[in-house]
PDB file of N, CA and C in Angstrom:
ATOM      1  N   MET A   1     112.194 130.052  68.558  1.00  0.00           N
ATOM      2  CA  MET A   1     112.831 129.681  67.311  1.00  0.00           C
ATOM      3  C   MET A   1     113.383 128.259  67.401  1.00  0.00           C
ATOM      4  N   LYS A   2     114.051 127.963  68.515  1.00  0.00           N
ATOM      5  CA  LYS A   2     114.637 126.648  68.703  1.00  0.00           C
ATOM      6  C   LYS A   2     113.538 125.576  68.783  1.00  0.00           C
ATOM      7  N   GLU A   3     112.428 125.897  69.460  1.00  0.00           N
ATOM      8  CA  GLU A   3     111.301 124.965  69.579  1.00  0.00           C
ATOM      9  C   GLU A   3     110.661 124.714  68.210  1.00  0.00           C
ATOM     10  N   GLN A   4     110.528 125.730  67.399  1.00  0.00           N
ATOM     11  CA  GLN A   4     109.957 125.599  66.064  1.00  0.00           C
ATOM     12  C   GLN A   4     110.847 124.710  65.194  1.00  0.00           C
ATOM     13  N   LEU A   5     112.145 124.866  65.282  1.00  0.00           N
ATOM     14  CA  LEU A   5     113.087 124.039  64.529  1.00  0.00           C
ATOM     15  C   LEU A   5     112.973 122.581  64.974  1.00  0.00           C
ATOM     16  N   LEU A   6     112.824 122.355  66.259  1.00  0.00           N
ATOM     17  CA  LEU A   6     112.683 121.012  66.799  1.00  0.00           C
ATOM     18  C   LEU A   6     111.393 120.357  66.295  1.00  0.00           C
ATOM     19  N   GLN A   7     110.309 121.106  66.263  1.00  0.00           N
ATOM     20  CA  GLN A   7     109.042 120.582  65.757  1.00  0.00           C
ATOM     21  C   GLN A   7     109.148 120.251  64.271  1.00  0.00           C
ATOM     22  N   THR A   8     109.824 121.078  63.506  1.00  0.00           N
ATOM     23  CA  THR A   8     110.014 120.822  62.082  1.00  0.00           C
ATOM     24  C   THR A   8     110.826 119.553  61.872  1.00  0.00           C
ATOM     25  N   MET A   9     111.861 119.355  62.666  1.00  0.00           N
ATOM     26  CA  MET A   9     112.686 118.161  62.549  1.00  0.00           C
ATOM     27  C   MET A   9     111.882 116.909  62.910  1.00  0.00           C
ATOM     28  N   ARG A  10     111.041 116.996  63.924  1.00  0.00           N
ATOM     29  CA  ARG A  10     110.195 115.858  64.292  1.00  0.00           C
ATOM     30  C   ARG A  10     109.249 115.496  63.143  1.00  0.00           C
ATOM     31  N   LEU A  11     108.677 116.515  62.533  1.00  0.00           N
ATOM     32  CA  LEU A  11     107.766 116.299  61.415  1.00  0.00           C
ATOM     33  C   LEU A  11     108.500 115.646  60.247  1.00  0.00           C
ATOM     34  N   LEU A  12     109.704 116.129  59.954  1.00  0.00           N
ATOM     35  CA  LEU A  12     110.481 115.558  58.853  1.00  0.00           C
ATOM     36  C   LEU A  12     110.863 114.108  59.117  1.00  0.00           C
ATOM     37  N   LEU A  13     111.065 113.749  60.365  1.00  0.00           N
ATOM     38  CA  LEU A  13     111.365 112.359  60.709  1.00  0.00           C
ATOM     39  C   LEU A  13     110.107 111.495  60.703  1.00  0.00           C
ATOM     40  N   PHE A  14     108.979 112.085  61.054  1.00  0.00           N
ATOM     41  CA  PHE A  14     107.726 111.350  61.140  1.00  0.00           C
ATOM     42  C   PHE A  14     107.156 111.012  59.757  1.00  0.00           C
ATOM     43  N   LEU A  15     107.255 111.917  58.802  1.00  0.00           N
ATOM     44  CA  LEU A  15     106.643 111.707  57.491  1.00  0.00           C
ATOM     45  C   LEU A  15     107.161 110.459  56.776  1.00  0.00           C
ATOM     46  N   PRO A  16     108.479 110.209  56.693  1.00  0.00           N
ATOM     47  CA  PRO A  16     108.935 108.970  56.054  1.00  0.00           C
ATOM     48  C   PRO A  16     108.455 107.721  56.790  1.00  0.00           C
ATOM     49  N   MET A  17     108.386 107.792  58.108  1.00  0.00           N
ATOM     50  CA  MET A  17     107.908 106.657  58.882  1.00  0.00           C
ATOM     51  C   MET A  17     106.432 106.389  58.561  1.00  0.00           C
ATOM     52  N   LEU A  18     105.641 107.442  58.465  1.00  0.00           N
ATOM     53  CA  LEU A  18     104.228 107.307  58.135  1.00  0.00           C
ATOM     54  C   LEU A  18     104.058 106.720  56.738  1.00  0.00           C
ATOM     55  N   ALA A  19     104.845 107.187  55.784  1.00  0.00           N
ATOM     56  CA  ALA A  19     104.777 106.657  54.422  1.00  0.00           C
ATOM     57  C   ALA A  19     105.133 105.175  54.405  1.00  0.00           C
ATOM     58  N   GLY A  20     106.141 104.781  55.150  1.00  0.00           N
ATOM     59  CA  GLY A  20     106.520 103.375  55.238  1.00  0.00           C
ATOM     60  C   GLY A  20     105.427 102.519  55.835  1.00  0.00           C
ATOM     61  N   MET A  21     104.763 103.030  56.851  1.00  0.00           N
ATOM     62  CA  MET A  21     103.665 102.290  57.470  1.00  0.00           C
ATOM     63  C   MET A  21     102.517 102.121  56.488  1.00  0.00           C
ATOM     64  N   MET A  22     102.241 103.131  55.692  1.00  0.00           N
ATOM     65  CA  MET A  22     101.169 103.038  54.714  1.00  0.00           C
ATOM     66  C   MET A  22     101.510 102.000  53.643  1.00  0.00           C
ATOM     67  N   LEU A  23     102.742 102.004  53.172  1.00  0.00           N
ATOM     68  CA  LEU A  23     103.156 101.029  52.175  1.00  0.00           C
ATOM     69  C   LEU A  23     103.118  99.625  52.743  1.00  0.00           C
ATOM     70  N   PHE A  24     103.576  99.443  53.969  1.00  0.00           N
ATOM     71  CA  PHE A  24     103.549  98.133  54.604  1.00  0.00           C
ATOM     72  C   PHE A  24     102.111  97.675  54.797  1.00  0.00           C
ATOM     73  N   GLY A  25     101.246  98.578  55.157  1.00  0.00           N
ATOM     74  CA  GLY A  25      99.838  98.237  55.335  1.00  0.00           C
ATOM     75  C   GLY A  25      99.214  97.739  54.053  1.00  0.00           C
ATOM     76  N   GLU A  26      99.565  98.354  52.930  1.00  0.00           N
ATOM     77  CA  GLU A  26      99.074  97.890  51.635  1.00  0.00           C
ATOM     78  C   GLU A  26      99.624  96.512  51.317  1.00  0.00           C
ATOM     79  N   ALA A  27     100.881  96.270  51.649  1.00  0.00           N
ATOM     80  CA  ALA A  27     101.514  94.993  51.335  1.00  0.00           C
ATOM     81  C   ALA A  27     100.877  93.845  52.111  1.00  0.00           C
ATOM     82  N   THR A  28     100.351  94.109  53.296  1.00  0.00           N
ATOM     83  CA  THR A  28      99.744  93.046  54.082  1.00  0.00           C
ATOM     84  C   THR A  28      98.383  92.653  53.544  1.00  0.00           C
ATOM     85  N   ASN A  29      97.777  93.441  52.679  1.00  0.00           N
ATOM     86  CA  ASN A  29      96.514  93.107  52.045  1.00  0.00           C
ATOM     87  C   ASN A  29      96.767  92.532  50.660  1.00  0.00           C
ATOM     88  N   ALA A  30      97.667  91.576  50.559  1.00  0.00           N
ATOM     89  CA  ALA A  30      98.084  91.032  49.275  1.00  0.00           C
ATOM     90  C   ALA A  30      96.934  90.321  48.575  1.00  0.00           C
ATOM     91  N   GLN A  31      96.884  90.489  47.279  1.00  0.00           N
ATOM     92  CA  GLN A  31      95.904  89.813  46.451  1.00  0.00           C
ATOM     93  C   GLN A  31      96.390  88.395  46.170  1.00  0.00           C
ATOM     94  N   THR A  32      95.467  87.443  46.171  1.00  0.00           N
ATOM     95  CA  THR A  32      95.817  86.065  45.862  1.00  0.00           C
ATOM     96  C   THR A  32      94.864  85.505  44.828  1.00  0.00           C
ATOM     97  N   VAL A  33      95.344  84.488  44.118  1.00  0.00           N
ATOM     98  CA  VAL A  33      94.506  83.687  43.227  1.00  0.00           C
ATOM     99  C   VAL A  33      94.977  82.245  43.396  1.00  0.00           C
ATOM    100  N   THR A  34      94.027  81.334  43.642  1.00  0.00           N
ATOM    101  CA  THR A  34      94.371  79.941  43.905  1.00  0.00           C
ATOM    102  C   THR A  34      93.367  79.015  43.228  1.00  0.00           C
ATOM    103  N   SER A  35      93.782  77.753  43.100  1.00  0.00           N
ATOM    104  CA  SER A  35      92.863  76.716  42.620  1.00  0.00           C
ATOM    105  C   SER A  35      92.551  75.780  43.789  1.00  0.00           C
ATOM    106  N   ASP A  36      91.463  75.048  43.664  1.00  0.00           N
ATOM    107  CA  ASP A  36      91.048  74.175  44.765  1.00  0.00           C
ATOM    108  C   ASP A  36      91.879  72.899  44.851  1.00  0.00           C
ATOM    109  N   LYS A  37      92.623  72.543  43.788  1.00  0.00           N
ATOM    110  CA  LYS A  37      93.469  71.350  43.783  1.00  0.00           C
ATOM    111  C   LYS A  37      94.734  71.645  42.982  1.00  0.00           C
ATOM    112  N   ASP A  38      95.747  70.784  43.152  1.00  0.00           N
ATOM    113  CA  ASP A  38      96.989  70.928  42.380  1.00  0.00           C
ATOM    114  C   ASP A  38      96.928  70.211  41.041  1.00  0.00           C
ATOM    115  N   ASP A  39      96.079  69.181  40.911  1.00  0.00           N
ATOM    116  CA  ASP A  39      96.019  68.389  39.688  1.00  0.00           C
ATOM    117  C   ASP A  39      94.576  67.980  39.435  1.00  0.00           C
ATOM    118  N   TYR A  40      94.219  67.863  38.155  1.00  0.00           N
ATOM    119  CA  TYR A  40      92.850  67.552  37.765  1.00  0.00           C
ATOM    120  C   TYR A  40      92.845  66.485  36.681  1.00  0.00           C
ATOM    121  N   ALA A  41      91.757  65.737  36.641  1.00  0.00           N
ATOM    122  CA  ALA A  41      91.532  64.756  35.580  1.00  0.00           C
ATOM    123  C   ALA A  41      90.531  65.329  34.586  1.00  0.00           C
ATOM    124  N   PRO A  42      90.582  64.845  33.327  1.00  0.00           N
ATOM    125  CA  PRO A  42      89.576  65.300  32.353  1.00  0.00           C
ATOM    126  C   PRO A  42      88.164  65.071  32.892  1.00  0.00           C
ATOM    127  N   GLY A  43      87.315  66.041  32.667  1.00  0.00           N
ATOM    128  CA  GLY A  43      85.939  65.978  33.152  1.00  0.00           C
ATOM    129  C   GLY A  43      85.744  66.716  34.465  1.00  0.00           C
ATOM    130  N   GLU A  44      86.833  67.004  35.162  1.00  0.00           N
ATOM    131  CA  GLU A  44      86.722  67.768  36.408  1.00  0.00           C
ATOM    132  C   GLU A  44      86.679  69.261  36.098  1.00  0.00           C
ATOM    133  N   THR A  45      86.328  70.030  37.094  1.00  0.00           N
ATOM    134  CA  THR A  45      86.294  71.486  36.969  1.00  0.00           C
ATOM    135  C   THR A  45      87.221  72.088  38.012  1.00  0.00           C
ATOM    136  N   ALA A  46      88.149  72.897  37.546  1.00  0.00           N
ATOM    137  CA  ALA A  46      89.042  73.605  38.468  1.00  0.00           C
ATOM    138  C   ALA A  46      88.288  74.818  39.013  1.00  0.00           C
ATOM    139  N   ILE A  47      88.268  74.950  40.317  1.00  0.00           N
ATOM    140  CA  ILE A  47      87.640  76.103  40.960  1.00  0.00           C
ATOM    141  C   ILE A  47      88.751  77.100  41.267  1.00  0.00           C
ATOM    142  N   ILE A  48      88.697  78.244  40.616  1.00  0.00           N
ATOM    143  CA  ILE A  48      89.695  79.298  40.774  1.00  0.00           C
ATOM    144  C   ILE A  48      89.070  80.389  41.644  1.00  0.00           C
ATOM    145  N   THR A  49      89.751  80.730  42.735  1.00  0.00           N
ATOM    146  CA  THR A  49      89.228  81.770  43.616  1.00  0.00           C
ATOM    147  C   THR A  49      90.296  82.834  43.866  1.00  0.00           C
ATOM    148  N   GLY A  50      89.835  84.016  44.146  1.00  0.00           N
ATOM    149  CA  GLY A  50      90.720  85.121  44.474  1.00  0.00           C
ATOM    150  C   GLY A  50      90.263  85.790  45.751  1.00  0.00           C
ATOM    151  N   GLU A  51      91.236  86.332  46.479  1.00  0.00           N
ATOM    152  CA  GLU A  51      90.949  87.080  47.704  1.00  0.00           C
ATOM    153  C   GLU A  51      91.827  88.311  47.773  1.00  0.00           C
ATOM    154  N   GLY A  52      91.354  89.326  48.474  1.00  0.00           N
ATOM    155  CA  GLY A  52      92.150  90.529  48.708  1.00  0.00           C
ATOM    156  C   GLY A  52      92.094  91.556  47.589  1.00  0.00           C
ATOM    157  N   TRP A  53      91.177  91.405  46.656  1.00  0.00           N
ATOM    158  CA  TRP A  53      91.069  92.330  45.513  1.00  0.00           C
ATOM    159  C   TRP A  53      90.106  93.472  45.846  1.00  0.00           C
ATOM    160  N   ILE A  54      90.258  94.047  47.038  1.00  0.00           N
ATOM    161  CA  ILE A  54      89.352  95.077  47.553  1.00  0.00           C
ATOM    162  C   ILE A  54      89.301  96.309  46.644  1.00  0.00           C
ATOM    163  N   GLY A  55      90.426  96.717  46.076  1.00  0.00           N
ATOM    164  CA  GLY A  55      90.467  97.933  45.266  1.00  0.00           C
ATOM    165  C   GLY A  55      89.987  97.747  43.844  1.00  0.00           C
ATOM    166  N   ASP A  56      89.487  96.562  43.520  1.00  0.00           N
ATOM    167  CA  ASP A  56      89.077  96.281  42.142  1.00  0.00           C
ATOM    168  C   ASP A  56      87.608  95.911  42.055  1.00  0.00           C
ATOM    169  N   GLN A  57      86.998  96.296  40.936  1.00  0.00           N
ATOM    170  CA  GLN A  57      85.636  95.864  40.632  1.00  0.00           C
ATOM    171  C   GLN A  57      85.671  94.663  39.693  1.00  0.00           C
ATOM    172  N   PHE A  58      86.765  94.575  38.889  1.00  0.00           N
ATOM    173  CA  PHE A  58      86.921  93.483  37.927  1.00  0.00           C
ATOM    174  C   PHE A  58      88.374  93.029  37.883  1.00  0.00           C
ATOM    175  N   VAL A  59      88.572  91.741  37.561  1.00  0.00           N
ATOM    176  CA  VAL A  59      89.911  91.201  37.336  1.00  0.00           C
ATOM    177  C   VAL A  59      89.915  90.450  36.007  1.00  0.00           C
ATOM    178  N   ASP A  60      91.094  90.342  35.402  1.00  0.00           N
ATOM    179  CA  ASP A  60      91.320  89.486  34.242  1.00  0.00           C
ATOM    180  C   ASP A  60      92.166  88.309  34.690  1.00  0.00           C
ATOM    181  N   LEU A  61      91.845  87.116  34.209  1.00  0.00           N
ATOM    182  CA  LEU A  61      92.627  85.922  34.498  1.00  0.00           C
ATOM    183  C   LEU A  61      93.291  85.448  33.211  1.00  0.00           C
ATOM    184  N   HIS A  62      94.585  85.136  33.298  1.00  0.00           N
ATOM    185  CA  HIS A  62      95.350  84.669  32.146  1.00  0.00           C
ATOM    186  C   HIS A  62      95.927  83.298  32.474  1.00  0.00           C
ATOM    187  N   PHE A  63      95.550  82.284  31.695  1.00  0.00           N
ATOM    188  CA  PHE A  63      96.050  80.927  31.856  1.00  0.00           C
ATOM    189  C   PHE A  63      97.102  80.671  30.772  1.00  0.00           C
ATOM    190  N   GLU A  64      98.311  80.324  31.180  1.00  0.00           N
ATOM    191  CA  GLU A  64      99.372  80.000  30.224  1.00  0.00           C
ATOM    192  C   GLU A  64      99.612  78.497  30.270  1.00  0.00           C
ATOM    193  N   GLU A  65      99.541  77.831  29.087  1.00  0.00           N
ATOM    194  CA  GLU A  65      99.751  76.387  29.004  1.00  0.00           C
ATOM    195  C   GLU A  65     101.217  76.064  28.776  1.00  0.00           C
ATOM    196  N   ASP A  66     101.678  74.951  29.400  1.00  0.00           N
ATOM    197  CA  ASP A  66     103.033  74.464  29.131  1.00  0.00           C
ATOM    198  C   ASP A  66     102.991  72.932  29.107  1.00  0.00           C
ATOM    199  N   PRO A  67     103.139  72.302  27.952  1.00  0.00           N
ATOM    200  CA  PRO A  67     103.347  72.924  26.646  1.00  0.00           C
ATOM    201  C   PRO A  67     102.045  73.505  26.096  1.00  0.00           C
ATOM    202  N   PHE A  68     102.207  74.449  25.181  1.00  0.00           N
ATOM    203  CA  PHE A  68     101.043  75.081  24.555  1.00  0.00           C
ATOM    204  C   PHE A  68     100.292  74.033  23.742  1.00  0.00           C
ATOM    205  N   VAL A  69      98.969  73.899  23.971  1.00  0.00           N
ATOM    206  CA  VAL A  69      98.192  72.861  23.305  1.00  0.00           C
ATOM    207  C   VAL A  69      97.249  73.423  22.253  1.00  0.00           C
ATOM    208  N   ASP A  70      96.335  74.272  22.653  1.00  0.00           N
ATOM    209  CA  ASP A  70      95.329  74.653  21.670  1.00  0.00           C
ATOM    210  C   ASP A  70      95.035  76.144  21.568  1.00  0.00           C
ATOM    211  N   HIS A  71      94.878  76.816  22.649  1.00  0.00           N
ATOM    212  CA  HIS A  71      94.576  78.250  22.568  1.00  0.00           C
ATOM    213  C   HIS A  71      94.805  78.913  23.914  1.00  0.00           C
ATOM    214  N   ILE A  72      94.694  80.209  23.924  1.00  0.00           N
ATOM    215  CA  ILE A  72      94.878  80.982  25.149  1.00  0.00           C
ATOM    216  C   ILE A  72      93.569  80.976  25.924  1.00  0.00           C
ATOM    217  N   HIS A  73      93.675  80.662  27.202  1.00  0.00           N
ATOM    218  CA  HIS A  73      92.496  80.617  28.070  1.00  0.00           C
ATOM    219  C   HIS A  73      92.511  81.875  28.939  1.00  0.00           C
ATOM    220  N   ASP A  74      91.779  82.865  28.542  1.00  0.00           N
ATOM    221  CA  ASP A  74      91.697  84.099  29.326  1.00  0.00           C
ATOM    222  C   ASP A  74      90.247  84.358  29.701  1.00  0.00           C
ATOM    223  N   TYR A  75      90.070  84.838  30.887  1.00  0.00           N
ATOM    224  CA  TYR A  75      88.762  85.270  31.363  1.00  0.00           C
ATOM    225  C   TYR A  75      88.885  86.757  31.655  1.00  0.00           C
ATOM    226  N   HIS A  76      88.043  87.556  31.006  1.00  0.00           N
ATOM    227  CA  HIS A  76      88.120  89.007  31.161  1.00  0.00           C
ATOM    228  C   HIS A  76      86.926  89.536  31.947  1.00  0.00           C
ATOM    229  N   ASP A  77      87.200  90.596  32.711  1.00  0.00           N
ATOM    230  CA  ASP A  77      86.162  91.313  33.441  1.00  0.00           C
ATOM    231  C   ASP A  77      85.366  90.413  34.388  1.00  0.00           C
ATOM    232  N   ILE A  78      86.099  89.634  35.185  1.00  0.00           N
ATOM    233  CA  ILE A  78      85.475  88.827  36.227  1.00  0.00           C
ATOM    234  C   ILE A  78      85.080  89.779  37.360  1.00  0.00           C
ATOM    235  N   ALA A  79      83.823  89.742  37.744  1.00  0.00           N
ATOM    236  CA  ALA A  79      83.337  90.646  38.793  1.00  0.00           C
ATOM    237  C   ALA A  79      83.935  90.259  40.147  1.00  0.00           C
ATOM    238  N   VAL A  80      84.399  91.273  40.864  1.00  0.00           N
ATOM    239  CA  VAL A  80      84.921  91.095  42.220  1.00  0.00           C
ATOM    240  C   VAL A  80      83.819  91.456  43.212  1.00  0.00           C
ATOM    241  N   ASN A  81      83.603  90.585  44.171  1.00  0.00           N
ATOM    242  CA  ASN A  81      82.597  90.830  45.210  1.00  0.00           C
ATOM    243  C   ASN A  81      83.045  91.974  46.123  1.00  0.00           C
ATOM    244  N   PRO A  82      82.116  92.618  46.819  1.00  0.00           N
ATOM    245  CA  PRO A  82      82.480  93.723  47.716  1.00  0.00           C
ATOM    246  C   PRO A  82      83.537  93.349  48.769  1.00  0.00           C
ATOM    247  N   ASP A  83      83.614  92.054  49.127  1.00  0.00           N
ATOM    248  CA  ASP A  83      84.612  91.628  50.115  1.00  0.00           C
ATOM    249  C   ASP A  83      85.979  91.318  49.489  1.00  0.00           C
ATOM    250  N   GLY A  84      86.126  91.583  48.165  1.00  0.00           N
ATOM    251  CA  GLY A  84      87.409  91.396  47.500  1.00  0.00           C
ATOM    252  C   GLY A  84      87.647  90.004  46.957  1.00  0.00           C
ATOM    253  N   THR A  85      86.615  89.162  46.896  1.00  0.00           N
ATOM    254  CA  THR A  85      86.752  87.790  46.403  1.00  0.00           C
ATOM    255  C   THR A  85      86.127  87.627  45.023  1.00  0.00           C
ATOM    256  N   PHE A  86      86.564  86.575  44.314  1.00  0.00           N
ATOM    257  CA  PHE A  86      85.912  86.166  43.071  1.00  0.00           C
ATOM    258  C   PHE A  86      86.057  84.658  42.922  1.00  0.00           C
ATOM    259  N   ARG A  87      85.290  84.089  41.995  1.00  0.00           N
ATOM    260  CA  ARG A  87      85.326  82.639  41.736  1.00  0.00           C
ATOM    261  C   ARG A  87      85.058  82.392  40.267  1.00  0.00           C
ATOM    262  N   VAL A  88      85.838  81.477  39.679  1.00  0.00           N
ATOM    263  CA  VAL A  88      85.678  81.081  38.280  1.00  0.00           C
ATOM    264  C   VAL A  88      85.775  79.563  38.214  1.00  0.00           C
ATOM    265  N   GLU A  89      84.949  78.949  37.366  1.00  0.00           N
ATOM    266  CA  GLU A  89      85.030  77.507  37.127  1.00  0.00           C
ATOM    267  C   GLU A  89      85.671  77.278  35.765  1.00  0.00           C
ATOM    268  N   PHE A  90      86.776  76.500  35.742  1.00  0.00           N
ATOM    269  CA  PHE A  90      87.540  76.237  34.521  1.00  0.00           C
ATOM    270  C   PHE A  90      87.455  74.734  34.211  1.00  0.00           C
ATOM    271  N   PRO A  91      86.770  74.357  33.102  1.00  0.00           N
ATOM    272  CA  PRO A  91      86.609  72.931  32.787  1.00  0.00           C
ATOM    273  C   PRO A  91      87.921  72.318  32.280  1.00  0.00           C
ATOM    274  N   ILE A  92      88.191  71.088  32.714  1.00  0.00           N
ATOM    275  CA  ILE A  92      89.388  70.361  32.298  1.00  0.00           C
ATOM    276  C   ILE A  92      88.978  69.327  31.256  1.00  0.00           C
ATOM    277  N   PHE A  93      89.647  69.374  30.102  1.00  0.00           N
ATOM    278  CA  PHE A  93      89.342  68.476  28.989  1.00  0.00           C
ATOM    279  C   PHE A  93      90.471  67.464  28.775  1.00  0.00           C
ATOM    280  N   GLU A  94      90.203  66.457  27.967  1.00  0.00           N
ATOM    281  CA  GLU A  94      91.191  65.428  27.638  1.00  0.00           C
ATOM    282  C   GLU A  94      92.475  66.048  27.091  1.00  0.00           C
ATOM    283  N   ARG A  95      92.350  67.085  26.290  1.00  0.00           N
ATOM    284  CA  ARG A  95      93.534  67.722  25.687  1.00  0.00           C
ATOM    285  C   ARG A  95      94.437  68.405  26.729  1.00  0.00           C
ATOM    286  N   HIS A  96      93.954  68.538  27.950  1.00  0.00           N
ATOM    287  CA  HIS A  96      94.746  69.158  29.010  1.00  0.00           C
ATOM    288  C   HIS A  96      95.646  68.165  29.748  1.00  0.00           C
ATOM    289  N   LEU A  97      95.563  66.857  29.406  1.00  0.00           N
ATOM    290  CA  LEU A  97      96.431  65.866  30.035  1.00  0.00           C
ATOM    291  C   LEU A  97      97.890  66.231  29.790  1.00  0.00           C
ATOM    292  N   GLY A  98      98.697  66.256  30.842  1.00  0.00           N
ATOM    293  CA  GLY A  98     100.117  66.570  30.723  1.00  0.00           C
ATOM    294  C   GLY A  98     100.432  68.046  30.589  1.00  0.00           C
ATOM    295  N   VAL A  99      99.420  68.896  30.671  1.00  0.00           N
ATOM    296  CA  VAL A  99      99.621  70.339  30.540  1.00  0.00           C
ATOM    297  C   VAL A  99      99.685  70.961  31.932  1.00  0.00           C
ATOM    298  N   THR A 100     100.644  71.856  32.122  1.00  0.00           N
ATOM    299  CA  THR A 100     100.733  72.640  33.352  1.00  0.00           C
ATOM    300  C   THR A 100     100.237  74.040  33.044  1.00  0.00           C
ATOM    301  N   PHE A 101      99.353  74.549  33.859  1.00  0.00           N
ATOM    302  CA  PHE A 101      98.836  75.900  33.685  1.00  0.00           C
ATOM    303  C   PHE A 101      99.481  76.839  34.701  1.00  0.00           C
ATOM    304  N   THR A 102      99.894  77.993  34.228  1.00  0.00           N
ATOM    305  CA  THR A 102     100.321  79.082  35.104  1.00  0.00           C
ATOM    306  C   THR A 102      99.245  80.151  35.023  1.00  0.00           C
ATOM    307  N   LEU A 103      98.704  80.507  36.153  1.00  0.00           N
ATOM    308  CA  LEU A 103      97.579  81.450  36.207  1.00  0.00           C
ATOM    309  C   LEU A 103      98.039  82.780  36.768  1.00  0.00           C
ATOM    310  N   THR A 104      97.672  83.842  36.078  1.00  0.00           N
ATOM    311  CA  THR A 104      97.962  85.197  36.539  1.00  0.00           C
ATOM    312  C   THR A 104      96.651  85.973  36.598  1.00  0.00           C
ATOM    313  N   ALA A 105      96.464  86.711  37.677  1.00  0.00           N
ATOM    314  CA  ALA A 105      95.290  87.575  37.821  1.00  0.00           C
ATOM    315  C   ALA A 105      95.776  89.023  37.807  1.00  0.00           C
ATOM    316  N   GLU A 106      94.996  89.870  37.140  1.00  0.00           N
ATOM    317  CA  GLU A 106      95.334  91.293  37.053  1.00  0.00           C
ATOM    318  C   GLU A 106      94.107  92.114  37.443  1.00  0.00           C
ATOM    319  N   GLY A 107      94.279  92.982  38.429  1.00  0.00           N
ATOM    320  CA  GLY A 107      93.201  93.871  38.840  1.00  0.00           C
ATOM    321  C   GLY A 107      92.994  94.959  37.786  1.00  0.00           C
ATOM    322  N   LYS A 108      91.770  95.132  37.347  1.00  0.00           N
ATOM    323  CA  LYS A 108      91.475  96.121  36.291  1.00  0.00           C
ATOM    324  C   LYS A 108      91.621  97.556  36.785  1.00  0.00           C
ATOM    325  N   GLN A 109      91.309  97.806  38.049  1.00  0.00           N
ATOM    326  CA  GLN A 109      91.411  99.165  38.567  1.00  0.00           C
ATOM    327  C   GLN A 109      92.768  99.399  39.247  1.00  0.00           C
ATOM    328  N   SER A 110      93.240  98.428  40.022  1.00  0.00           N
ATOM    329  CA  SER A 110      94.486  98.609  40.757  1.00  0.00           C
ATOM    330  C   SER A 110      95.719  98.319  39.902  1.00  0.00           C
ATOM    331  N   VAL A 111      95.550  97.531  38.833  1.00  0.00           N
ATOM    332  CA  VAL A 111      96.629  97.075  37.956  1.00  0.00           C
ATOM    333  C   VAL A 111      97.649  96.240  38.752  1.00  0.00           C
ATOM    334  N   LEU A 112      97.215  95.619  39.848  1.00  0.00           N
ATOM    335  CA  LEU A 112      98.068  94.724  40.626  1.00  0.00           C
ATOM    336  C   LEU A 112      97.961  93.319  40.072  1.00  0.00           C
ATOM    337  N   PHE A 113      99.026  92.539  40.221  1.00  0.00           N
ATOM    338  CA  PHE A 113      99.075  91.173  39.717  1.00  0.00           C
ATOM    339  C   PHE A 113      99.231  90.185  40.860  1.00  0.00           C
ATOM    340  N   SER A 114      98.758  88.977  40.604  1.00  0.00           N
ATOM    341  CA  SER A 114      99.000  87.876  41.527  1.00  0.00           C
ATOM    342  C   SER A 114      99.169  86.628  40.706  1.00  0.00           C
TER     343      SER A 114
END
């Protein structure tokens, strides 16, 4: 009886630790989205890449302008490669001079953001 109680207590202590390890393991596979440069001139193309999107088949990209110039730049259903990467080319126009873009990526299946 005493041995059974001890085994139950060990199990109860082990389960939260296991759950924490699983959550930490997920956190180390963070999704990222980056551009190839910090600043662009009109006529250039911004190369947007993502990594770590293993749990997704598609991502949506949302570009927010500051100040707002002309329209919302969203890319929907960007295919994610089996290795969790994607790539998008975003053309820079004259009207983008002085505009700062904030880019957000959303996994369609995981609903994770970066």
